[in-house]
């Protein structure tokens, strides 16, 4: 940690021409405020959930399809067990990336606005990069 503090002092000295303890304290306070704003768990969760290939594929399929799909239909989209599909769908629901509806013995899933917005942003970024 001392090494990081030393590098911060050197950076500030380069930026400001000189550096004092108050400059370092001000920058640390600025960085602490940034960390408080940037590191919000409710924003991170969907990205963590989508980091798994099965969950990503299911969420993406629901978003592209735009309709509800039964679990038995979704099972055909990924090369994992029915149990793994159910677990993945539960994780997607918990992260607000899928919504679930039960109708008798059947469970239906659809994409949420949150998932649609994440995928739309990713698509815009991919198109801009081309």
Protein backbone atom coordinates (compact mmCIF):
# COMPACT_ATOMS: atom_id res chain seq x y z
CA UNK A 1 0.00 0.00 0.00
CA UNK A 2 2.92 2.34 0.72
CA UNK A 3 4.08 1.84 -2.86
CA UNK A 4 0.67 2.99 -4.16
CA UNK A 5 0.81 6.04 -1.90
CA UNK A 6 4.27 6.89 -3.18
CA UNK A 7 3.13 6.56 -6.80
CA UNK A 8 0.11 8.77 -6.07
CA UNK A 9 2.41 11.42 -4.58
CA UNK A 10 4.63 11.25 -7.68
CA UNK A 11 1.61 11.54 -9.99
CA UNK A 12 0.31 14.58 -8.13
CA UNK A 13 3.75 16.16 -8.12
CA UNK A 14 3.90 15.68 -11.91
CA UNK A 15 0.39 17.07 -12.39
CA UNK A 16 0.65 19.99 -9.96
CA UNK A 17 4.35 20.79 -10.14
CA UNK A 18 4.67 19.95 -6.45
CA UNK A 19 2.75 17.85 -3.93
CA UNK A 20 1.88 18.22 -0.27
CA UNK A 21 -0.01 16.04 2.22
CA UNK A 22 -3.22 18.03 1.65
CA UNK A 23 -3.05 17.31 -2.10
CA UNK A 24 -2.72 13.60 -1.41
CA UNK A 25 -5.59 13.69 1.13
CA UNK A 26 -7.83 15.56 -1.33
CA UNK A 27 -7.13 13.07 -4.12
CA UNK A 28 -7.71 10.10 -1.76
CA UNK A 29 -11.07 11.61 -0.74
CA UNK A 30 -11.94 12.02 -4.43
CA UNK A 31 -10.99 8.40 -5.12
CA UNK A 32 -12.92 7.13 -2.09
CA UNK A 33 -16.04 8.94 -3.34
CA UNK A 34 -15.52 7.41 -6.78
CA UNK A 35 -15.23 3.93 -5.27
CA UNK A 36 -18.42 4.43 -3.26
CA UNK A 37 -20.27 5.44 -6.41
CA UNK A 38 -18.73 2.94 -8.81
CA UNK A 39 -18.68 -0.27 -6.78
CA UNK A 40 -22.38 -0.90 -6.30
CA UNK A 41 -23.23 -4.60 -6.01
CA UNK A 42 -26.68 -4.36 -7.59
CA UNK A 43 -25.02 -3.15 -10.79
CA UNK A 44 -22.33 -5.84 -10.72
CA UNK A 45 -24.60 -8.83 -10.18
CA UNK A 46 -26.02 -9.13 -13.71
CA UNK A 47 -22.53 -9.07 -15.21
CA UNK A 48 -21.38 -11.79 -12.81
CA UNK A 49 -24.42 -13.92 -13.66
CA UNK A 50 -23.85 -13.48 -17.39
CA UNK A 51 -20.24 -14.62 -16.97
CA UNK A 52 -21.44 -18.23 -17.06
CA UNK A 53 -21.90 -19.61 -20.58
CA UNK A 54 -25.18 -21.43 -19.83
CA UNK A 55 -26.78 -18.45 -18.12
CA UNK A 56 -25.54 -16.11 -20.86
CA UNK A 57 -26.94 -18.31 -23.64
CA UNK A 58 -30.32 -18.65 -21.93
CA UNK A 59 -30.60 -14.93 -21.19
CA UNK A 60 -29.53 -14.01 -24.71
CA UNK A 61 -31.99 -16.45 -26.28
CA UNK A 62 -34.84 -15.02 -24.22
CA UNK A 63 -33.87 -11.47 -25.14
CA UNK A 64 -33.58 -12.23 -28.85
CA UNK A 65 -36.81 -14.25 -28.91
CA UNK A 66 -38.87 -11.63 -27.10
CA UNK A 67 -41.50 -14.13 -26.00
CA UNK A 68 -42.03 -16.51 -23.11
CA UNK A 69 -40.49 -19.94 -23.36
CA UNK A 70 -41.15 -23.05 -21.32
CA UNK A 71 -38.25 -24.64 -19.47
CA UNK A 72 -38.55 -27.70 -21.71
CA UNK A 73 -37.94 -25.47 -24.75
CA UNK A 74 -34.97 -23.73 -23.14
CA UNK A 75 -33.37 -27.06 -22.23
CA UNK A 76 -32.95 -27.74 -25.95
CA UNK A 77 -30.76 -24.64 -26.34
CA UNK A 78 -27.90 -25.59 -24.03
CA UNK A 79 -25.85 -28.78 -23.66
CA UNK A 80 -26.41 -29.22 -19.91
CA UNK A 81 -28.76 -31.22 -17.70
CA UNK A 82 -32.32 -30.17 -16.95
CA UNK A 83 -31.24 -29.52 -13.38
CA UNK A 84 -28.46 -27.19 -14.56
CA UNK A 85 -30.93 -25.31 -16.77
CA UNK A 86 -33.32 -24.86 -13.84
CA UNK A 87 -30.49 -23.62 -11.64
CA UNK A 88 -29.27 -21.21 -14.34
CA UNK A 89 -32.78 -19.85 -14.82
CA UNK A 90 -33.16 -19.34 -11.06
CA UNK A 91 -29.92 -17.33 -11.09
CA UNK A 92 -31.20 -15.22 -13.99
CA UNK A 93 -34.44 -14.51 -12.13
CA UNK A 94 -32.52 -13.56 -8.97
CA UNK A 95 -30.43 -11.08 -11.01
CA UNK A 96 -33.57 -9.65 -12.66
CA UNK A 97 -32.43 -10.87 -16.07
CA UNK A 98 -35.41 -13.19 -16.54
CA UNK A 99 -38.94 -13.33 -15.21
CA UNK A 100 -40.77 -16.54 -14.35
CA UNK A 101 -44.45 -17.44 -14.60
CA UNK A 102 -45.96 -20.72 -13.48
CA UNK A 103 -48.96 -22.14 -15.33
CA UNK A 104 -50.06 -25.45 -13.87
CA UNK A 105 -47.15 -27.86 -14.23
CA UNK A 106 -45.25 -25.60 -16.61
CA UNK A 107 -42.83 -22.77 -15.92
CA UNK A 108 -42.35 -20.05 -18.48
CA UNK A 109 -39.51 -17.54 -18.67
CA UNK A 110 -39.10 -14.26 -20.50
CA UNK A 111 -36.45 -11.60 -20.72
CA UNK A 112 -36.68 -8.54 -18.46
CA UNK A 113 -36.17 -4.89 -19.32
CA UNK A 114 -32.83 -5.05 -17.49
CA UNK A 115 -31.57 -7.91 -19.67
CA UNK A 116 -32.89 -6.27 -22.82
CA UNK A 117 -31.09 -3.02 -21.94
CA UNK A 118 -27.79 -4.80 -21.23
CA UNK A 119 -27.89 -6.72 -24.50
CA UNK A 120 -28.96 -3.63 -26.47
CA UNK A 121 -26.02 -1.69 -25.04
CA UNK A 122 -23.63 -4.53 -25.92
CA UNK A 123 -25.01 -4.67 -29.46
CA UNK A 124 -24.60 -0.89 -29.90
CA UNK A 125 -21.01 -1.17 -28.69
CA UNK A 126 -20.29 -4.07 -31.05
CA UNK A 127 -21.77 -2.17 -34.00
CA UNK A 128 -19.77 0.95 -33.13
CA UNK A 129 -16.57 -1.12 -33.03
CA UNK A 130 -17.10 -2.45 -36.55
